[in-house]
C-alpha atoms as a PDB file:
ATOM      1  CA  GLY A   1     -61.004 147.616  13.506  1.00  0.00           C
ATOM      2  CA  VAL A   2     -62.347 145.408  10.721  1.00  0.00           C
ATOM      3  CA  ALA A   3     -64.799 146.749   8.146  1.00  0.00           C
ATOM      4  CA  ALA A   4     -67.473 144.870   6.213  1.00  0.00           C
ATOM      5  CA  ASP A   5     -65.397 145.282   3.030  1.00  0.00           C
ATOM      6  CA  GLY A   6     -62.410 143.500   4.624  1.00  0.00           C
ATOM      7  CA  THR A   7     -60.431 146.627   5.513  1.00  0.00           C
ATOM      8  CA  VAL A   8     -58.313 146.148   8.659  1.00  0.00           C
ATOM      9  CA  TRP A   9     -56.796 148.876  10.850  1.00  0.00           C
ATOM     10  CA  HIS A  10     -55.110 148.613  14.244  1.00  0.00           C
ATOM     11  CA  VAL A  11     -53.449 150.711  16.912  1.00  0.00           C
ATOM     12  CA  ASN A  12     -50.715 149.312  19.107  1.00  0.00           C
ATOM     13  CA  SER A  13     -50.121 149.908  22.811  1.00  0.00           C
ATOM     14  CA  ALA A  14     -48.000 152.992  22.005  1.00  0.00           C
ATOM     15  CA  GLY A  15     -50.817 154.553  19.934  1.00  0.00           C
ATOM     16  CA  ALA A  16     -49.222 153.969  16.526  1.00  0.00           C
ATOM     17  CA  ILE A  17     -51.757 153.460  13.713  1.00  0.00           C
ATOM     18  CA  TYR A  18     -51.512 150.813  10.979  1.00  0.00           C
ATOM     19  CA  ARG A  19     -53.591 149.797   7.954  1.00  0.00           C
ATOM     20  CA  TYR A  20     -53.370 146.236   6.594  1.00  0.00           C
ATOM     21  CA  THR A  21     -52.301 146.138   2.946  1.00  0.00           C
ATOM     22  CA  GLY A  22     -50.985 142.572   2.702  1.00  0.00           C
ATOM     23  CA  ASP A  23     -53.626 141.725   0.108  1.00  0.00           C
ATOM     24  CA  GLN A  24     -52.473 144.664  -2.082  1.00  0.00           C
ATOM     25  CA  GLY A  25     -48.688 144.418  -2.120  1.00  0.00           C
ATOM     26  CA  SER A  26     -45.554 143.195  -0.455  1.00  0.00           C
ATOM     27  CA  THR A  27     -45.927 145.189   2.784  1.00  0.00           C
ATOM     28  CA  ASP A  28     -48.429 143.704   5.244  1.00  0.00           C
ATOM     29  CA  TRP A  29     -48.930 146.799   7.432  1.00  0.00           C
ATOM     30  CA  VAL A  30     -48.547 150.469   6.466  1.00  0.00           C
ATOM     31  CA  ALA A  31     -48.008 153.024   9.227  1.00  0.00           C
ATOM     32  CA  VAL A  32     -50.408 155.985   9.171  1.00  0.00           C
ATOM     33  CA  SER A  33     -49.342 159.143  10.998  1.00  0.00           C
ATOM     34  CA  GLY A  34     -51.108 160.158  14.185  1.00  0.00           C
ATOM     35  CA  GLY A  35     -51.740 158.573  17.537  1.00  0.00           C
ATOM     36  CA  LEU A  36     -54.923 156.815  18.638  1.00  0.00           C
ATOM     37  CA  THR A  37     -56.004 154.543  21.461  1.00  0.00           C
ATOM     38  CA  ARG A  38     -59.186 153.236  19.753  1.00  0.00           C
ATOM     39  CA  ILE A  39     -60.057 152.741  16.088  1.00  0.00           C
ATOM     40  CA  SER A  40     -63.107 151.542  14.175  1.00  0.00           C
ATOM     41  CA  ALA A  41     -63.513 150.935  10.444  1.00  0.00           C
ATOM     42  CA  GLY A  42     -66.835 150.892   8.622  1.00  0.00           C
ATOM     43  CA  SER A  43     -65.206 150.714   5.170  1.00  0.00           C
ATOM     44  CA  ARG A  44     -61.877 151.446   3.459  1.00  0.00           C
ATOM     45  CA  THR A  45     -62.297 155.204   3.860  1.00  0.00           C
ATOM     46  CA  HIS A  46     -64.828 155.347   6.720  1.00  0.00           C
ATOM     47  CA  VAL A  47     -62.426 155.054   9.673  1.00  0.00           C
ATOM     48  CA  TRP A  48     -62.794 156.784  13.042  1.00  0.00           C
ATOM     49  CA  GLY A  49     -60.605 156.893  16.126  1.00  0.00           C
ATOM     50  CA  ILE A  50     -60.046 158.336  19.575  1.00  0.00           C
ATOM     51  CA  ASN A  51     -56.735 159.584  20.952  1.00  0.00           C
ATOM     52  CA  SER A  52     -55.386 159.413  24.508  1.00  0.00           C
ATOM     53  CA  SER A  53     -57.088 162.754  25.319  1.00  0.00           C
ATOM     54  CA  ASN A  54     -60.485 161.295  24.257  1.00  0.00           C
ATOM     55  CA  GLN A  55     -60.600 163.513  21.159  1.00  0.00           C
ATOM     56  CA  ILE A  56     -62.462 162.077  18.146  1.00  0.00           C
ATOM     57  CA  TYR A  57     -60.913 161.856  14.670  1.00  0.00           C
ATOM     58  CA  ARG A  58     -62.131 160.810  11.219  1.00  0.00           C
ATOM     59  CA  TYR A  59     -59.852 159.456   8.475  1.00  0.00           C
ATOM     60  CA  THR A  60     -59.660 161.785   5.469  1.00  0.00           C
ATOM     61  CA  GLY A  61     -58.837 159.040   2.972  1.00  0.00           C
ATOM     62  CA  HIS A  62     -55.380 160.530   2.360  1.00  0.00           C
ATOM     63  CA  ASP A  63     -52.343 159.251   4.254  1.00  0.00           C
ATOM     64  CA  ALA A  64     -50.449 162.530   3.696  1.00  0.00           C
ATOM     65  CA  ASN A  65     -52.955 164.325   5.980  1.00  0.00           C
ATOM     66  CA  PRO A  66     -54.920 161.420   7.444  1.00  0.00           C
ATOM     67  CA  TRP A  67     -57.041 162.764  10.316  1.00  0.00           C
ATOM     68  CA  VAL A  68     -59.530 165.569  10.901  1.00  0.00           C
ATOM     69  CA  GLY A  69     -60.753 166.391  14.391  1.00  0.00           C
ATOM     70  CA  ILE A  70     -64.447 166.018  15.175  1.00  0.00           C
ATOM     71  CA  PRO A  71     -66.217 167.936  17.993  1.00  0.00           C
ATOM     72  CA  GLY A  72     -66.865 165.953  21.151  1.00  0.00           C
ATOM     73  CA  GLN A  73     -64.998 163.514  23.358  1.00  0.00           C
ATOM     74  CA  ALA A  74     -65.299 159.757  23.711  1.00  0.00           C
ATOM     75  CA  VAL A  75     -63.781 156.669  25.298  1.00  0.00           C
ATOM     76  CA  ASP A  76     -64.992 154.225  22.627  1.00  0.00           C
ATOM     77  CA  ILE A  77     -66.257 154.491  19.060  1.00  0.00           C
ATOM     78  CA  GLY A  78     -67.915 152.332  16.418  1.00  0.00           C
ATOM     79  CA  ALA A  79     -68.239 153.002  12.683  1.00  0.00           C
ATOM     80  CA  ALA A  80     -70.643 151.022  10.488  1.00  0.00           C
ATOM     81  CA  ALA A  81     -70.469 150.286   6.765  1.00  0.00           C
ATOM     82  CA  ASP A  82     -73.555 152.455   6.153  1.00  0.00           C
ATOM     83  CA  GLY A  83     -71.752 155.544   7.519  1.00  0.00           C
ATOM     84  CA  THR A  84     -73.296 155.490  10.986  1.00  0.00           C
ATOM     85  CA  VAL A  85     -70.926 156.362  13.829  1.00  0.00           C
ATOM     86  CA  TRP A  86     -71.630 155.879  17.536  1.00  0.00           C
ATOM     87  CA  HIS A  87     -69.439 156.791  20.474  1.00  0.00           C
ATOM     88  CA  VAL A  88     -69.462 156.398  24.235  1.00  0.00           C
ATOM     89  CA  ALA A  89     -68.588 159.348  26.463  1.00  0.00           C
ATOM     90  CA  ALA A  90     -66.539 158.968  29.648  1.00  0.00           C
ATOM     91  CA  ALA A  91     -69.677 159.116  31.843  1.00  0.00           C
ATOM     92  CA  GLY A  92     -71.229 156.258  29.842  1.00  0.00           C
ATOM     93  CA  ALA A  93     -73.655 158.248  27.670  1.00  0.00           C
ATOM     94  CA  ILE A  94     -74.032 156.932  24.102  1.00  0.00           C
ATOM     95  CA  TYR A  95     -74.124 159.295  21.108  1.00  0.00           C
ATOM     96  CA  ARG A  96     -74.707 158.985  17.359  1.00  0.00           C
ATOM     97  CA  TYR A  97     -72.708 161.319  15.131  1.00  0.00           C
ATOM     98  CA  THR A  98     -75.040 163.378  12.921  1.00  0.00           C
ATOM     99  CA  GLY A  99     -72.705 165.787  11.163  1.00  0.00           C
ATOM    100  CA  ASP A 100     -71.392 168.752  13.071  1.00  0.00           C
ATOM    101  CA  GLN A 101     -72.141 167.620  16.617  1.00  0.00           C
ATOM    102  CA  PRO A 102     -72.821 164.309  18.318  1.00  0.00           C
ATOM    103  CA  SER A 103     -76.482 163.820  19.252  1.00  0.00           C
END
């Protein structure tokens, strides 16, 4: 996931999560705890993901406790720089996140 501000995140085939920090120090990639299959970044702190059980998570901005669960399930997700988040459910329906529940 690449954000408009240049933030880069990725998940590998095992579900491990990484944030690119090569422009900030000597380590190119920093591991972030958790496990995701999909990730999308709208900005440095506006990062969303989906795990292997199709559960949705939002990055808290703090690596010590990085993810908070969000109601709903999805197979793909997209986060925009303006804070908009869209996801696709397993049956193909498309939803926009509006706060407490997808709509």
